[in-house]
Amino acid sequence: MTGTGDLGRRIAYHRERLGLSREQVAGRAAMSPGYLQYLEENPGNPSADALSRLATALGTTAEDLLGGTADRPPGGGPAAESPHVEVLDREECLRLIEPGGIGRVAFDGSHGPTVLPVNYRLHDGAILFRTAYGGPMDRDLRTGVQGVEIVVGFEVDRIDEAQREGWSVLVQGPFHHVPPDEAAELSASDVTPWVGGDRTLYIRIVPHQITGRRIHGL
């Protein structure tokens, strides 16, 4: 096969996401750990059969390992044969979003309903992320009234294309601009925006309501 691109990096990512060793993944994929190590660390050209077995072992698809889904929205495949929706309690919702990652902030902006992605962390029970002073969230979400905040939505989800499963968590709560004198204490939270730039304004969303759903096959 051709066009494997960053196959090794994607294999390693999925293996680490599942918390598996090379020996465990190799056993699942019926290949030697040495060959798996080679594929992770060197440009490889595995057979279609080997790639399919490896994708199954990693809970993903061969197309994903080859980078073919990088520019597509997730969830484009068919639904599970008998999908079931499970309502998640607050504790399970917090467990799912606790590792941090990318979430979406939803609010009424100056040009209408707005949803923006941010890199976030959970810190002392609140959603924490960074944005730019003077940016859309800074401008549109300041009330100008001391002690009054605007309530926003914050959504995180995970889609498993191979298993045709996924979950979504919605947090609703007030949007706090963290004062500069408190921001120094938050540097240990390790919130780093992928978009880069001068994003030194820390934002805290205090969860007042948390709801979630998981979809899976019966």
N, C-alpha and C. Protein backbone atom coordinates (compact mmCIF):
# COMPACT_ATOMS: atom_id res chain seq x y z
N MET A 1 0.84 -1.19 0.00
CA MET A 1 0.00 0.00 0.00
C MET A 1 0.88 1.24 0.00
N THR A 2 0.35 2.33 -0.51
CA THR A 2 1.11 3.58 -0.56
C THR A 2 0.38 4.64 0.23
N GLY A 3 1.05 5.77 0.45
CA GLY A 3 0.41 6.90 1.11
C GLY A 3 0.22 6.72 2.60
N THR A 4 1.12 5.96 3.27
CA THR A 4 0.96 5.74 4.70
C THR A 4 1.24 7.01 5.50
N GLY A 5 2.05 7.95 4.99
CA GLY A 5 2.28 9.23 5.66
C GLY A 5 2.78 9.04 7.08
N ASP A 6 2.06 9.67 8.04
CA ASP A 6 2.47 9.59 9.43
C ASP A 6 1.81 8.41 10.13
N LEU A 7 1.82 7.27 9.50
CA LEU A 7 1.21 6.06 10.04
C LEU A 7 1.75 5.73 11.42
N GLY A 8 3.08 5.80 11.59
CA GLY A 8 3.67 5.44 12.87
C GLY A 8 3.17 6.29 14.02
N ARG A 9 3.05 7.59 13.77
CA ARG A 9 2.57 8.48 14.82
C ARG A 9 1.13 8.16 15.19
N ARG A 10 0.30 7.83 14.20
CA ARG A 10 -1.10 7.52 14.48
C ARG A 10 -1.23 6.19 15.23
N ILE A 11 -0.41 5.21 14.87
CA ILE A 11 -0.43 3.94 15.60
C ILE A 11 -0.08 4.17 17.06
N ALA A 12 1.01 4.91 17.31
CA ALA A 12 1.45 5.17 18.68
C ALA A 12 0.39 5.96 19.45
N TYR A 13 -0.25 6.92 18.78
CA TYR A 13 -1.28 7.72 19.45
C TYR A 13 -2.42 6.83 19.93
N HIS A 14 -2.94 5.97 19.06
CA HIS A 14 -4.07 5.12 19.43
C HIS A 14 -3.66 4.09 20.48
N ARG A 15 -2.46 3.57 20.39
CA ARG A 15 -1.99 2.60 21.39
C ARG A 15 -1.91 3.25 22.77
N GLU A 16 -1.35 4.45 22.82
CA GLU A 16 -1.23 5.15 24.10
C GLU A 16 -2.58 5.61 24.62
N ARG A 17 -3.48 5.97 23.69
CA ARG A 17 -4.84 6.36 24.11
C ARG A 17 -5.54 5.21 24.82
N LEU A 18 -5.27 3.99 24.38
CA LEU A 18 -5.90 2.82 24.99
C LEU A 18 -5.12 2.30 26.19
N GLY A 19 -3.93 2.87 26.42
CA GLY A 19 -3.11 2.42 27.54
C GLY A 19 -2.54 1.04 27.35
N LEU A 20 -2.21 0.68 26.10
CA LEU A 20 -1.71 -0.66 25.78
C LEU A 20 -0.22 -0.64 25.47
N SER A 21 0.44 -1.72 25.78
CA SER A 21 1.85 -1.88 25.43
C SER A 21 1.96 -2.37 23.98
N ARG A 22 3.16 -2.31 23.43
CA ARG A 22 3.35 -2.83 22.08
C ARG A 22 3.05 -4.32 22.04
N GLU A 23 3.44 -5.03 23.09
CA GLU A 23 3.21 -6.48 23.12
C GLU A 23 1.71 -6.79 23.10
N GLN A 24 0.92 -6.00 23.82
CA GLN A 24 -0.53 -6.22 23.85
C GLN A 24 -1.17 -5.96 22.49
N VAL A 25 -0.78 -4.85 21.86
CA VAL A 25 -1.34 -4.54 20.54
C VAL A 25 -0.89 -5.55 19.51
N ALA A 26 0.39 -5.93 19.56
CA ALA A 26 0.90 -6.92 18.61
C ALA A 26 0.16 -8.24 18.75
N GLY A 27 -0.14 -8.63 19.99
CA GLY A 27 -0.89 -9.87 20.20
C GLY A 27 -2.28 -9.79 19.61
N ARG A 28 -2.93 -8.65 19.79
CA ARG A 28 -4.27 -8.47 19.23
C ARG A 28 -4.25 -8.48 17.71
N ALA A 29 -3.17 -7.95 17.14
CA ALA A 29 -3.10 -7.81 15.67
C ALA A 29 -2.39 -8.98 15.00
N ALA A 30 -2.02 -10.00 15.78
CA ALA A 30 -1.34 -11.19 15.25
C ALA A 30 -0.09 -10.80 14.46
N MET A 31 0.75 -9.95 15.07
CA MET A 31 2.03 -9.59 14.47
C MET A 31 3.08 -9.53 15.58
N SER A 32 4.34 -9.49 15.21
CA SER A 32 5.39 -9.47 16.22
C SER A 32 5.54 -8.06 16.80
N PRO A 33 5.88 -7.96 18.10
CA PRO A 33 6.13 -6.64 18.70
C PRO A 33 7.23 -5.87 17.98
N GLY A 34 8.21 -6.60 17.45
CA GLY A 34 9.29 -5.94 16.72
C GLY A 34 8.80 -5.25 15.46
N TYR A 35 7.88 -5.92 14.75
CA TYR A 35 7.35 -5.30 13.54
C TYR A 35 6.49 -4.09 13.88
N LEU A 36 5.73 -4.19 14.98
CA LEU A 36 4.92 -3.05 15.40
C LEU A 36 5.83 -1.87 15.77
N GLN A 37 6.91 -2.15 16.47
CA GLN A 37 7.86 -1.08 16.81
C GLN A 37 8.43 -0.45 15.55
N TYR A 38 8.74 -1.28 14.56
CA TYR A 38 9.26 -0.75 13.29
C TYR A 38 8.25 0.18 12.64
N LEU A 39 6.97 -0.22 12.63
CA LEU A 39 5.94 0.61 12.00
C LEU A 39 5.77 1.93 12.74
N GLU A 40 5.93 1.91 14.07
CA GLU A 40 5.79 3.14 14.84
C GLU A 40 6.94 4.10 14.62
N GLU A 41 8.13 3.56 14.41
CA GLU A 41 9.34 4.39 14.41
C GLU A 41 9.93 4.64 13.04
N ASN A 42 9.39 4.00 12.00
CA ASN A 42 9.95 4.16 10.66
C ASN A 42 8.84 4.28 9.63
N PRO A 43 9.10 4.94 8.50
CA PRO A 43 8.11 4.93 7.42
C PRO A 43 7.84 3.49 7.01
N GLY A 44 6.61 3.06 7.08
CA GLY A 44 6.28 1.67 6.78
C GLY A 44 5.30 1.55 5.63
N ASN A 45 5.19 0.32 5.11
CA ASN A 45 4.30 0.04 3.99
C ASN A 45 3.65 -1.32 4.23
N PRO A 46 2.81 -1.41 5.29
CA PRO A 46 2.22 -2.72 5.62
C PRO A 46 1.22 -3.17 4.57
N SER A 47 0.99 -4.47 4.55
CA SER A 47 -0.03 -5.00 3.64
C SER A 47 -1.41 -4.55 4.10
N ALA A 48 -2.38 -4.67 3.19
CA ALA A 48 -3.75 -4.28 3.53
C ALA A 48 -4.27 -5.13 4.68
N ASP A 49 -3.93 -6.42 4.69
CA ASP A 49 -4.40 -7.30 5.75
C ASP A 49 -3.80 -6.91 7.10
N ALA A 50 -2.49 -6.64 7.13
CA ALA A 50 -1.82 -6.25 8.37
C ALA A 50 -2.38 -4.93 8.90
N LEU A 51 -2.64 -4.00 8.00
CA LEU A 51 -3.19 -2.71 8.41
C LEU A 51 -4.59 -2.87 8.98
N SER A 52 -5.39 -3.74 8.38
CA SER A 52 -6.75 -3.98 8.86
C SER A 52 -6.72 -4.60 10.25
N ARG A 53 -5.84 -5.58 10.46
CA ARG A 53 -5.74 -6.22 11.77
C ARG A 53 -5.26 -5.23 12.83
N LEU A 54 -4.35 -4.37 12.45
CA LEU A 54 -3.82 -3.38 13.38
C LEU A 54 -4.90 -2.36 13.75
N ALA A 55 -5.68 -1.92 12.77
CA ALA A 55 -6.76 -0.98 13.03
C ALA A 55 -7.79 -1.58 13.98
N THR A 56 -8.14 -2.84 13.77
CA THR A 56 -9.09 -3.52 14.65
C THR A 56 -8.54 -3.61 16.07
N ALA A 57 -7.26 -3.93 16.20
CA ALA A 57 -6.62 -4.03 17.51
C ALA A 57 -6.62 -2.70 18.24
N LEU A 58 -6.58 -1.60 17.50
CA LEU A 58 -6.52 -0.27 18.09
C LEU A 58 -7.88 0.41 18.18
N GLY A 59 -8.93 -0.30 17.77
CA GLY A 59 -10.27 0.26 17.87
C GLY A 59 -10.50 1.42 16.94
N THR A 60 -9.90 1.38 15.75
CA THR A 60 -10.09 2.45 14.78
C THR A 60 -10.22 1.83 13.40
N THR A 61 -10.01 2.62 12.35
CA THR A 61 -10.13 2.12 10.99
C THR A 61 -8.80 2.27 10.25
N ALA A 62 -8.63 1.46 9.21
CA ALA A 62 -7.42 1.57 8.39
C ALA A 62 -7.33 2.96 7.77
N GLU A 63 -8.46 3.51 7.36
CA GLU A 63 -8.47 4.84 6.76
C GLU A 63 -7.97 5.89 7.74
N ASP A 64 -8.37 5.75 9.01
CA ASP A 64 -7.92 6.71 10.01
C ASP A 64 -6.42 6.58 10.24
N LEU A 65 -5.90 5.37 10.30
CA LEU A 65 -4.46 5.18 10.50
C LEU A 65 -3.66 5.78 9.34
N LEU A 66 -4.24 5.78 8.16
CA LEU A 66 -3.57 6.35 6.99
C LEU A 66 -3.77 7.86 6.87
N GLY A 67 -4.55 8.45 7.78
CA GLY A 67 -4.77 9.89 7.73
C GLY A 67 -5.85 10.31 6.78
N GLY A 68 -6.64 9.35 6.28
CA GLY A 68 -7.65 9.70 5.29
C GLY A 68 -8.84 10.44 5.85
N THR A 69 -8.99 10.45 7.19
CA THR A 69 -10.14 11.13 7.79
C THR A 69 -9.75 12.45 8.45
N ALA A 70 -8.50 12.89 8.25
CA ALA A 70 -8.00 14.06 8.97
C ALA A 70 -8.80 15.33 8.69
N ASP A 71 -9.29 15.50 7.48
CA ASP A 71 -10.00 16.73 7.12
C ASP A 71 -11.51 16.54 7.05
N ARG A 72 -12.00 15.47 7.62
CA ARG A 72 -13.44 15.23 7.59
C ARG A 72 -14.04 15.37 8.99
N PRO A 73 -15.26 15.90 9.09
CA PRO A 73 -15.93 15.90 10.40
C PRO A 73 -16.15 14.46 10.85
N PRO A 74 -16.05 14.18 12.15
CA PRO A 74 -16.27 12.81 12.63
C PRO A 74 -17.73 12.41 12.52
N GLY A 75 -17.97 11.11 12.52
CA GLY A 75 -19.34 10.61 12.53
C GLY A 75 -19.98 10.50 11.17
N GLY A 76 -19.19 10.43 10.11
CA GLY A 76 -19.77 10.36 8.77
C GLY A 76 -20.24 8.98 8.37
N GLY A 77 -19.84 7.96 9.11
CA GLY A 77 -20.22 6.60 8.78
C GLY A 77 -21.64 6.27 9.23
N PRO A 78 -22.09 5.04 8.94
CA PRO A 78 -23.45 4.65 9.33
C PRO A 78 -23.57 4.45 10.83
N ALA A 79 -24.79 4.55 11.34
CA ALA A 79 -25.04 4.32 12.76
C ALA A 79 -24.93 2.83 13.07
N ALA A 80 -24.79 2.51 14.35
CA ALA A 80 -24.79 1.11 14.76
C ALA A 80 -26.15 0.48 14.42
N GLU A 81 -26.16 -0.84 14.33
CA GLU A 81 -27.38 -1.52 13.91
C GLU A 81 -28.53 -1.28 14.87
N SER A 82 -28.26 -1.33 16.16
CA SER A 82 -29.30 -1.07 17.18
C SER A 82 -28.77 -0.08 18.20
N PRO A 83 -28.68 1.20 17.84
CA PRO A 83 -28.09 2.18 18.76
C PRO A 83 -28.95 2.39 20.00
N HIS A 84 -28.26 2.62 21.11
CA HIS A 84 -28.93 2.85 22.39
C HIS A 84 -28.34 4.11 23.01
N VAL A 85 -29.20 5.00 23.49
CA VAL A 85 -28.76 6.23 24.13
C VAL A 85 -28.86 6.08 25.64
N GLU A 86 -27.75 6.34 26.33
CA GLU A 86 -27.69 6.23 27.79
C GLU A 86 -27.50 7.62 28.39
N VAL A 87 -28.30 7.95 29.38
CA VAL A 87 -28.17 9.22 30.09
C VAL A 87 -27.07 9.07 31.14
N LEU A 88 -26.13 10.01 31.16
CA LEU A 88 -24.99 9.95 32.08
C LEU A 88 -25.23 10.84 33.29
N ASP A 89 -24.81 10.37 34.47
CA ASP A 89 -24.94 11.19 35.65
C ASP A 89 -23.77 12.17 35.74
N ARG A 90 -23.83 13.08 36.69
CA ARG A 90 -22.84 14.14 36.82
C ARG A 90 -21.43 13.57 37.03
N GLU A 91 -21.32 12.55 37.87
CA GLU A 91 -20.01 11.98 38.17
C GLU A 91 -19.36 11.38 36.92
N GLU A 92 -20.15 10.66 36.12
CA GLU A 92 -19.60 10.07 34.90
C GLU A 92 -19.23 11.16 33.90
N CYS A 93 -20.03 12.21 33.81
CA CYS A 93 -19.70 13.32 32.90
C CYS A 93 -18.36 13.94 33.28
N LEU A 94 -18.16 14.18 34.56
CA LEU A 94 -16.89 14.77 35.02
C LEU A 94 -15.73 13.84 34.76
N ARG A 95 -15.95 12.53 34.93
CA ARG A 95 -14.87 11.57 34.66
C ARG A 95 -14.45 11.61 33.19
N LEU A 96 -15.43 11.75 32.31
CA LEU A 96 -15.13 11.74 30.88
C LEU A 96 -14.36 12.98 30.44
N ILE A 97 -14.69 14.14 31.00
CA ILE A 97 -14.03 15.36 30.55
C ILE A 97 -12.81 15.71 31.38
N GLU A 98 -12.56 14.98 32.47
CA GLU A 98 -11.45 15.29 33.37
C GLU A 98 -10.08 15.34 32.70
N PRO A 99 -9.78 14.48 31.70
CA PRO A 99 -8.45 14.53 31.10
C PRO A 99 -8.14 15.83 30.35
N GLY A 100 -9.15 16.64 30.06
CA GLY A 100 -8.92 17.85 29.29
C GLY A 100 -8.84 17.56 27.80
N GLY A 101 -8.60 18.59 27.02
CA GLY A 101 -8.54 18.43 25.56
C GLY A 101 -9.17 19.61 24.87
N ILE A 102 -10.04 19.33 23.90
CA ILE A 102 -10.71 20.39 23.15
C ILE A 102 -12.21 20.35 23.43
N GLY A 103 -12.75 21.49 23.82
CA GLY A 103 -14.18 21.64 24.02
C GLY A 103 -14.68 22.84 23.23
N ARG A 104 -16.00 23.07 23.27
CA ARG A 104 -16.59 24.16 22.50
C ARG A 104 -17.42 25.05 23.41
N VAL A 105 -17.16 26.35 23.32
CA VAL A 105 -17.90 27.32 24.11
C VAL A 105 -19.02 27.90 23.24
N ALA A 106 -20.25 27.86 23.74
CA ALA A 106 -21.40 28.38 23.00
C ALA A 106 -21.98 29.57 23.75
N PHE A 107 -22.19 30.67 23.00
CA PHE A 107 -22.70 31.89 23.63
C PHE A 107 -23.37 32.78 22.58
N ASP A 108 -24.11 33.76 23.05
CA ASP A 108 -24.72 34.75 22.15
C ASP A 108 -23.69 35.84 21.88
N GLY A 109 -23.11 35.82 20.67
CA GLY A 109 -22.11 36.81 20.31
C GLY A 109 -22.71 38.04 19.67
N SER A 110 -21.87 38.99 19.34
CA SER A 110 -22.34 40.24 18.75
C SER A 110 -22.94 40.04 17.37
N HIS A 111 -22.59 38.92 16.70
CA HIS A 111 -23.14 38.64 15.36
C HIS A 111 -24.11 37.46 15.39
N GLY A 112 -24.58 37.09 16.58
CA GLY A 112 -25.53 35.99 16.69
C GLY A 112 -24.92 34.81 17.43
N PRO A 113 -25.65 33.68 17.48
CA PRO A 113 -25.16 32.49 18.19
C PRO A 113 -23.76 32.09 17.70
N THR A 114 -22.85 31.85 18.64
CA THR A 114 -21.45 31.60 18.32
C THR A 114 -20.96 30.39 19.09
N VAL A 115 -20.17 29.54 18.41
CA VAL A 115 -19.55 28.39 19.05
C VAL A 115 -18.08 28.39 18.67
N LEU A 116 -17.19 28.38 19.67
CA LEU A 116 -15.75 28.45 19.41
C LEU A 116 -15.03 27.32 20.15
N PRO A 117 -14.08 26.64 19.48
CA PRO A 117 -13.31 25.58 20.14
C PRO A 117 -12.18 26.16 20.98
N VAL A 118 -11.90 25.51 22.11
CA VAL A 118 -10.81 25.94 22.98
C VAL A 118 -10.14 24.70 23.58
N ASN A 119 -8.86 24.84 23.89
CA ASN A 119 -8.15 23.82 24.67
C ASN A 119 -8.42 24.09 26.15
N TYR A 120 -8.86 23.08 26.88
CA TYR A 120 -9.29 23.32 28.26
C TYR A 120 -8.65 22.31 29.22
N ARG A 121 -8.76 22.63 30.49
CA ARG A 121 -8.42 21.72 31.59
C ARG A 121 -9.49 21.87 32.67
N LEU A 122 -9.67 20.82 33.46
CA LEU A 122 -10.48 20.93 34.66
C LEU A 122 -9.55 21.35 35.80
N HIS A 123 -9.91 22.41 36.50
CA HIS A 123 -9.05 22.94 37.56
C HIS A 123 -9.93 23.35 38.73
N ASP A 124 -9.75 22.68 39.86
CA ASP A 124 -10.55 22.96 41.05
C ASP A 124 -12.05 22.91 40.75
N GLY A 125 -12.44 21.91 39.95
CA GLY A 125 -13.85 21.70 39.66
C GLY A 125 -14.45 22.60 38.60
N ALA A 126 -13.64 23.45 37.97
CA ALA A 126 -14.15 24.38 36.95
C ALA A 126 -13.44 24.14 35.62
N ILE A 127 -14.08 24.56 34.53
CA ILE A 127 -13.47 24.53 33.20
C ILE A 127 -12.54 25.73 33.09
N LEU A 128 -11.30 25.50 32.67
CA LEU A 128 -10.33 26.58 32.56
C LEU A 128 -9.71 26.58 31.17
N PHE A 129 -9.65 27.76 30.55
CA PHE A 129 -8.97 27.89 29.26
C PHE A 129 -8.45 29.30 29.11
N ARG A 130 -7.71 29.53 28.04
CA ARG A 130 -7.13 30.85 27.80
C ARG A 130 -7.62 31.42 26.48
N THR A 131 -7.77 32.74 26.43
CA THR A 131 -8.15 33.42 25.21
C THR A 131 -7.42 34.76 25.16
N ALA A 132 -7.70 35.55 24.13
CA ALA A 132 -6.99 36.81 23.95
C ALA A 132 -7.80 37.98 24.51
N TYR A 133 -7.10 38.91 25.13
CA TYR A 133 -7.74 40.15 25.53
C TYR A 133 -8.25 40.87 24.28
N GLY A 134 -9.49 41.32 24.31
CA GLY A 134 -10.06 42.02 23.17
C GLY A 134 -10.64 41.12 22.11
N GLY A 135 -10.55 39.78 22.30
CA GLY A 135 -11.11 38.83 21.34
C GLY A 135 -12.62 38.71 21.50
N PRO A 136 -13.26 37.87 20.66
CA PRO A 136 -14.72 37.75 20.70
C PRO A 136 -15.27 37.38 22.08
N MET A 137 -14.63 36.41 22.75
CA MET A 137 -15.16 36.01 24.05
C MET A 137 -14.92 37.06 25.11
N ASP A 138 -13.84 37.79 24.99
CA ASP A 138 -13.58 38.87 25.94
C ASP A 138 -14.58 40.01 25.73
N ARG A 139 -14.80 40.41 24.48
CA ARG A 139 -15.69 41.53 24.19
C ARG A 139 -17.15 41.19 24.47
N ASP A 140 -17.59 40.02 23.96
CA ASP A 140 -19.02 39.70 23.99
C ASP A 140 -19.50 39.19 25.33
N LEU A 141 -18.60 38.76 26.20
CA LEU A 141 -19.03 38.14 27.44
C LEU A 141 -18.63 38.94 28.68
N ARG A 142 -18.47 40.24 28.52
CA ARG A 142 -18.29 41.13 29.66
C ARG A 142 -19.60 41.90 29.87
N THR A 143 -20.16 41.80 31.06
CA THR A 143 -21.43 42.48 31.32
C THR A 143 -21.22 43.94 31.68
N GLY A 144 -20.04 44.28 32.19
CA GLY A 144 -19.80 45.65 32.65
C GLY A 144 -20.40 45.93 34.01
N VAL A 145 -20.97 44.89 34.64
CA VAL A 145 -21.57 45.04 35.96
C VAL A 145 -20.81 44.17 36.94
N GLN A 146 -20.32 44.77 38.00
CA GLN A 146 -19.54 44.05 38.99
C GLN A 146 -20.33 42.88 39.58
N GLY A 147 -19.71 41.68 39.54
CA GLY A 147 -20.34 40.51 40.15
C GLY A 147 -21.39 39.83 39.31
N VAL A 148 -21.60 40.29 38.09
CA VAL A 148 -22.61 39.69 37.21
C VAL A 148 -21.90 39.02 36.03
N GLU A 149 -22.16 37.73 35.83
CA GLU A 149 -21.57 36.99 34.72
C GLU A 149 -22.65 36.46 33.79
N ILE A 150 -22.25 36.16 32.57
CA ILE A 150 -23.14 35.59 31.58
C ILE A 150 -23.02 34.07 31.61
N VAL A 151 -24.15 33.37 31.55
CA VAL A 151 -24.14 31.91 31.52
C VAL A 151 -23.90 31.44 30.09
N VAL A 152 -22.97 30.50 29.93
CA VAL A 152 -22.63 29.96 28.60
C VAL A 152 -22.77 28.44 28.62
N GLY A 153 -22.69 27.85 27.44
CA GLY A 153 -22.63 26.40 27.31
C GLY A 153 -21.23 25.98 26.95
N PHE A 154 -20.82 24.81 27.43
CA PHE A 154 -19.49 24.26 27.10
C PHE A 154 -19.69 22.77 26.81
N GLU A 155 -19.29 22.35 25.60
CA GLU A 155 -19.56 20.98 25.16
C GLU A 155 -18.26 20.25 24.81
N VAL A 156 -18.19 18.98 25.22
CA VAL A 156 -17.07 18.11 24.88
C VAL A 156 -17.65 16.80 24.37
N ASP A 157 -17.05 16.21 23.33
CA ASP A 157 -17.54 14.93 22.84
C ASP A 157 -16.40 14.06 22.35
N ARG A 158 -16.71 12.81 22.19
CA ARG A 158 -15.75 11.83 21.67
C ARG A 158 -16.51 10.86 20.77
N ILE A 159 -16.03 10.70 19.54
CA ILE A 159 -16.66 9.81 18.58
C ILE A 159 -15.71 8.67 18.26
N ASP A 160 -16.18 7.43 18.40
CA ASP A 160 -15.41 6.25 18.03
C ASP A 160 -15.98 5.72 16.73
N GLU A 161 -15.33 6.07 15.62
CA GLU A 161 -15.85 5.70 14.30
C GLU A 161 -15.90 4.19 14.12
N ALA A 162 -14.85 3.49 14.59
CA ALA A 162 -14.78 2.05 14.35
C ALA A 162 -15.89 1.31 15.07
N GLN A 163 -16.17 1.69 16.32
CA GLN A 163 -17.20 1.02 17.11
C GLN A 163 -18.57 1.64 16.92
N ARG A 164 -18.63 2.78 16.22
CA ARG A 164 -19.87 3.51 16.01
C ARG A 164 -20.53 3.84 17.35
N GLU A 165 -19.68 4.35 18.25
CA GLU A 165 -20.11 4.75 19.57
C GLU A 165 -19.61 6.16 19.86
N GLY A 166 -20.09 6.75 20.92
CA GLY A 166 -19.60 8.07 21.29
C GLY A 166 -20.33 8.62 22.49
N TRP A 167 -19.85 9.75 22.98
CA TRP A 167 -20.50 10.42 24.10
C TRP A 167 -20.38 11.93 23.93
N SER A 168 -21.26 12.63 24.61
CA SER A 168 -21.26 14.08 24.59
C SER A 168 -21.63 14.58 25.98
N VAL A 169 -20.90 15.60 26.46
CA VAL A 169 -21.16 16.19 27.76
C VAL A 169 -21.38 17.69 27.58
N LEU A 170 -22.44 18.21 28.20
CA LEU A 170 -22.76 19.63 28.14
C LEU A 170 -22.67 20.23 29.54
N VAL A 171 -21.86 21.27 29.67
CA VAL A 171 -21.72 22.00 30.92
C VAL A 171 -22.34 23.38 30.73
N GLN A 172 -23.14 23.82 31.68
CA GLN A 172 -23.72 25.16 31.64
C GLN A 172 -23.38 25.88 32.94
N GLY A 173 -22.90 27.11 32.80
CA GLY A 173 -22.53 27.86 33.99
C GLY A 173 -22.01 29.24 33.64
N PRO A 174 -21.74 30.07 34.66
CA PRO A 174 -21.27 31.44 34.42
C PRO A 174 -19.84 31.50 33.90
N PHE A 175 -19.60 32.49 33.07
CA PHE A 175 -18.34 32.73 32.40
C PHE A 175 -17.58 33.79 33.18
N HIS A 176 -16.45 33.41 33.79
CA HIS A 176 -15.69 34.33 34.64
C HIS A 176 -14.39 34.74 33.95
N HIS A 177 -14.12 36.04 33.86
CA HIS A 177 -12.81 36.54 33.47
C HIS A 177 -11.93 36.53 34.72
N VAL A 178 -10.87 35.73 34.71
CA VAL A 178 -10.01 35.63 35.89
C VAL A 178 -9.17 36.89 36.02
N PRO A 179 -9.21 37.58 37.16
CA PRO A 179 -8.41 38.80 37.34
C PRO A 179 -6.91 38.51 37.21
N PRO A 180 -6.14 39.47 36.70
CA PRO A 180 -4.69 39.26 36.52
C PRO A 180 -3.99 38.82 37.80
N ASP A 181 -4.44 39.30 38.96
CA ASP A 181 -3.74 38.93 40.19
C ASP A 181 -3.98 37.47 40.58
N GLU A 182 -4.99 36.83 39.98
CA GLU A 182 -5.23 35.41 40.23
C GLU A 182 -4.63 34.53 39.15
N ALA A 183 -4.34 35.10 37.98
CA ALA A 183 -3.88 34.31 36.83
C ALA A 183 -2.56 33.61 37.11
N ALA A 184 -1.66 34.23 37.88
CA ALA A 184 -0.36 33.62 38.16
C ALA A 184 -0.51 32.27 38.85
N GLU A 185 -1.56 32.12 39.65
CA GLU A 185 -1.79 30.87 40.35
C GLU A 185 -2.25 29.76 39.42
N LEU A 186 -2.70 30.12 38.21
CA LEU A 186 -3.25 29.13 37.29
C LEU A 186 -2.24 28.62 36.27
N SER A 187 -1.03 29.14 36.30
CA SER A 187 -0.03 28.73 35.32
C SER A 187 0.29 27.23 35.43
N ALA A 188 0.14 26.65 36.63
CA ALA A 188 0.42 25.23 36.82
C ALA A 188 -0.64 24.33 36.19
N SER A 189 -1.75 24.92 35.75
CA SER A 189 -2.81 24.12 35.14
C SER A 189 -2.42 23.59 33.77
N ASP A 190 -1.37 24.16 33.17
CA ASP A 190 -0.84 23.70 31.88
C ASP A 190 -1.89 23.77 30.77
N VAL A 191 -2.64 24.87 30.74
CA VAL A 191 -3.58 25.10 29.64
C VAL A 191 -2.84 25.80 28.51
N THR A 192 -2.69 25.12 27.38
CA THR A 192 -1.92 25.67 26.26
C THR A 192 -2.78 25.70 25.00
N PRO A 193 -3.19 26.85 24.52
CA PRO A 193 -4.00 26.92 23.30
C PRO A 193 -3.21 26.47 22.07
N TRP A 194 -3.77 25.54 21.32
CA TRP A 194 -3.11 25.09 20.09
C TRP A 194 -2.94 26.24 19.10
N VAL A 195 -3.87 27.17 19.13
CA VAL A 195 -3.86 28.24 18.13
C VAL A 195 -2.71 29.21 18.36
N GLY A 196 -2.11 29.18 19.54
CA GLY A 196 -0.96 30.04 19.81
C GLY A 196 -1.36 31.49 19.98
N GLY A 197 -0.39 32.38 19.81
CA GLY A 197 -0.66 33.80 19.93
C GLY A 197 -0.64 34.26 21.37
N ASP A 198 -0.95 35.53 21.56
CA ASP A 198 -0.91 36.16 22.87
C ASP A 198 -2.25 35.95 23.57
N ARG A 199 -2.44 34.80 24.15
CA ARG A 199 -3.70 34.44 24.80
C ARG A 199 -3.46 34.28 26.29
N THR A 200 -3.39 35.41 26.95
CA THR A 200 -3.02 35.43 28.37
C THR A 200 -4.20 35.67 29.29
N LEU A 201 -5.41 35.77 28.72
CA LEU A 201 -6.60 35.96 29.54
C LEU A 201 -7.16 34.59 29.93
N TYR A 202 -7.14 34.30 31.23
CA TYR A 202 -7.69 33.03 31.71
C TYR A 202 -9.20 33.18 31.92
N ILE A 203 -9.92 32.14 31.46
CA ILE A 203 -11.37 32.11 31.60
C ILE A 203 -11.75 30.88 32.44
N ARG A 204 -12.70 31.09 33.34
CA ARG A 204 -13.18 29.99 34.18
C ARG A 204 -14.69 29.86 34.00
N ILE A 205 -15.15 28.64 33.71
CA ILE A 205 -16.59 28.36 33.65
C ILE A 205 -16.91 27.45 34.83
N VAL A 206 -17.75 27.94 35.73
CA VAL A 206 -18.12 27.16 36.91
C VAL A 206 -19.37 26.34 36.58
N PRO A 207 -19.28 25.01 36.59
CA PRO A 207 -20.43 24.18 36.22
C PRO A 207 -21.59 24.32 37.20
N HIS A 208 -22.73 24.77 36.70
CA HIS A 208 -23.96 24.80 37.50
C HIS A 208 -24.85 23.61 37.13
N GLN A 209 -24.76 23.21 35.88
CA GLN A 209 -25.52 22.04 35.41
C GLN A 209 -24.65 21.24 34.44
N ILE A 210 -24.61 19.93 34.63
CA ILE A 210 -23.84 19.05 33.76
C ILE A 210 -24.74 17.91 33.32
N THR A 211 -24.86 17.73 32.02
CA THR A 211 -25.65 16.63 31.46
C THR A 211 -24.82 15.92 30.40
N GLY A 212 -25.16 14.67 30.14
CA GLY A 212 -24.40 13.92 29.15
C GLY A 212 -25.19 12.77 28.58
N ARG A 213 -24.77 12.33 27.41
CA ARG A 213 -25.37 11.18 26.74
C ARG A 213 -24.26 10.33 26.14
N ARG A 214 -24.48 9.02 26.17
CA ARG A 214 -23.59 8.08 25.50
C ARG A 214 -24.42 7.26 24.54
N ILE A 215 -23.91 7.05 23.33
CA ILE A 215 -24.59 6.20 22.36
C ILE A 215 -23.73 4.97 22.08
N HIS A 216 -24.35 3.81 22.11
CA HIS A 216 -23.63 2.57 21.85
C HIS A 216 -24.61 1.52 21.35
N GLY A 217 -24.07 0.45 20.79
CA GLY A 217 -24.92 -0.63 20.30
C GLY A 217 -25.33 -1.55 21.44
N LEU A 218 -26.44 -2.22 21.26
CA LEU A 218 -26.92 -3.17 22.28
C LEU A 218 -26.16 -4.47 22.17
